[in-house]
């Protein structure tokens, strides 16, 4: 099933105005909300329901520079963008010279997500140091 979420604003003003199951109803809500001239134009965000598989969830794995790591279930939007899966991103801390490694991955549970994340970061570090894997 598809749901249409009608939103307005951005950043701290971002909010949901309504949810519809029919695109025509969603379009009518957008027209009504956009005609008042006070707020930014309303937008429709389309989401397919029942696409999250708990046996193959998307996890956000991260490893700090000191080697400590953790995983958490990733946000819903990431699950719909597979181009970001299994790609390690090295992120510099904005106040220091330390780095963190982030990666989105699919795994059936937390233990598997930790193992996969550690392997992906190890491969990334090896390539970074010029060691063939």
Protein backbone atom coordinates (compact mmCIF):
# COMPACT_ATOMS: atom_id res chain seq x y z
CA UNK A 1 0.00 0.00 0.00
CA UNK A 2 1.15 3.53 -0.72
CA UNK A 3 0.55 6.48 1.58
CA UNK A 4 0.94 10.12 0.65
CA UNK A 5 2.26 12.37 3.41
CA UNK A 6 1.58 16.08 2.96
CA UNK A 7 4.29 18.28 4.51
CA UNK A 8 5.25 21.92 4.76
CA UNK A 9 8.25 23.85 5.99
CA UNK A 10 11.87 22.91 6.48
CA UNK A 11 14.29 22.29 9.32
CA UNK A 12 12.66 23.18 12.65
CA UNK A 13 9.48 24.32 10.88
CA UNK A 14 9.07 21.02 8.97
CA UNK A 15 5.77 19.38 9.85
CA UNK A 16 3.23 16.87 8.59
CA UNK A 17 -0.10 18.38 7.60
CA UNK A 18 -1.90 15.20 6.65
CA UNK A 19 -1.75 11.66 5.30
CA UNK A 20 -3.85 10.30 2.44
CA UNK A 21 -4.23 6.95 0.75
CA UNK A 22 -5.38 8.50 -2.53
CA UNK A 23 -3.12 10.74 -4.63
CA UNK A 24 -6.11 12.88 -5.72
CA UNK A 25 -7.01 13.63 -2.11
CA UNK A 26 -3.36 14.43 -1.37
CA UNK A 27 -3.25 16.83 -4.33
CA UNK A 28 -6.42 18.57 -3.10
CA UNK A 29 -4.90 19.03 0.36
CA UNK A 30 -1.73 20.48 -1.21
CA UNK A 31 -3.80 22.93 -3.29
CA UNK A 32 -5.75 24.03 -0.21
CA UNK A 33 -2.64 24.50 1.95
CA UNK A 34 -0.62 26.27 -0.74
CA UNK A 35 -3.30 28.86 -1.57
CA UNK A 36 -3.13 30.69 1.77
CA UNK A 37 0.11 32.48 0.87
CA UNK A 38 1.46 32.46 4.42
CA UNK A 39 3.36 29.20 4.49
CA UNK A 40 5.72 27.63 1.95
CA UNK A 41 4.10 25.40 -0.63
CA UNK A 42 2.96 22.05 0.68
CA UNK A 43 4.61 18.94 -0.77
CA UNK A 44 3.64 15.31 -1.14
CA UNK A 45 6.03 12.61 0.07
CA UNK A 46 5.22 9.13 -1.18
CA UNK A 47 5.92 6.10 1.02
CA UNK A 48 5.29 2.45 0.35
CA UNK A 49 4.18 0.60 3.44
CA UNK A 50 5.05 -2.97 4.42
CA UNK A 51 8.51 -2.76 2.81
CA UNK A 52 10.53 -3.08 6.01
CA UNK A 53 11.69 -6.66 6.52
CA UNK A 54 12.86 -7.21 10.12
CA UNK A 55 14.90 -10.19 8.93
CA UNK A 56 16.84 -8.00 6.51
CA UNK A 57 16.84 -4.58 8.16
CA UNK A 58 19.07 -1.66 7.25
CA UNK A 59 21.53 -0.80 10.02
CA UNK A 60 23.73 2.24 10.59
CA UNK A 61 27.15 0.97 11.73
CA UNK A 62 29.78 3.37 13.02
CA UNK A 63 33.28 2.98 14.39
CA UNK A 64 35.06 5.74 16.27
CA UNK A 65 38.76 6.42 15.92
CA UNK A 66 39.49 4.61 19.19
CA UNK A 67 37.98 1.41 17.76
CA UNK A 68 34.71 1.44 19.69
CA UNK A 69 31.73 0.71 17.51
CA UNK A 70 27.98 0.30 17.55
CA UNK A 71 24.98 -0.24 15.29
CA UNK A 72 21.41 0.99 15.31
CA UNK A 73 18.45 0.49 13.03
CA UNK A 74 18.70 3.07 10.24
CA UNK A 75 15.97 5.55 9.42
CA UNK A 76 13.22 4.50 7.04
CA UNK A 77 14.43 6.69 4.15
CA UNK A 78 17.81 4.98 4.03
CA UNK A 79 16.15 1.62 3.55
CA UNK A 80 14.79 2.91 0.25
CA UNK A 81 18.16 4.12 -1.08
CA UNK A 82 20.27 1.00 -1.70
CA UNK A 83 22.99 3.01 -3.46
CA UNK A 84 24.29 3.95 0.01
CA UNK A 85 24.51 0.39 1.29
CA UNK A 86 27.94 -1.10 2.12
CA UNK A 87 29.78 2.14 1.32
CA UNK A 88 32.07 3.27 4.12
CA UNK A 89 32.22 7.00 4.71
CA UNK A 90 35.08 8.51 6.72
CA UNK A 91 33.79 11.49 8.73
CA UNK A 92 36.11 13.99 10.43
CA UNK A 93 35.02 15.29 13.81
CA UNK A 94 34.37 19.01 13.51
CA UNK A 95 36.25 19.94 16.71
CA UNK A 96 39.27 17.66 16.51
CA UNK A 97 41.43 15.63 14.14
CA UNK A 98 39.67 12.37 14.95
CA UNK A 99 37.64 10.37 12.44
CA UNK A 100 34.64 8.10 12.53
CA UNK A 101 33.68 5.50 9.94
CA UNK A 102 29.99 5.21 8.99
CA UNK A 103 28.32 2.58 6.85
CA UNK A 104 24.74 1.54 6.12
CA UNK A 105 24.29 -2.20 5.66
CA UNK A 106 21.70 -4.95 5.64
CA UNK A 107 21.74 -7.63 8.33
CA UNK A 108 19.22 -9.89 10.09
CA UNK A 109 20.24 -8.80 13.61
CA UNK A 110 22.61 -6.63 15.65
CA UNK A 111 25.36 -9.26 15.95
CA UNK A 112 25.51 -9.80 12.18
CA UNK A 113 25.42 -6.04 11.58
CA UNK A 114 28.43 -5.54 13.88
CA UNK A 115 30.39 -8.30 12.10
CA UNK A 116 29.58 -6.99 8.62
CA UNK A 117 30.34 -3.39 9.65
CA UNK A 118 33.70 -4.33 11.16
CA UNK A 119 34.63 -6.26 8.01
CA UNK A 120 33.66 -3.38 5.70
CA UNK A 121 35.61 -0.83 7.75
CA UNK A 122 38.66 -3.13 7.88
CA UNK A 123 38.57 -3.47 4.07
CA UNK A 124 38.20 0.30 3.72
CA UNK A 125 41.15 0.98 6.03
CA UNK A 126 43.28 -1.59 4.18
CA UNK A 127 42.53 0.11 0.83
CA UNK A 128 43.23 3.50 2.41
CA UNK A 129 46.64 2.26 3.57
CA UNK A 130 47.37 0.68 0.19
CA UNK A 131 47.09 -2.92 1.38
CA UNK A 132 45.39 -5.20 -1.13
CA UNK A 133 42.39 -7.17 0.12
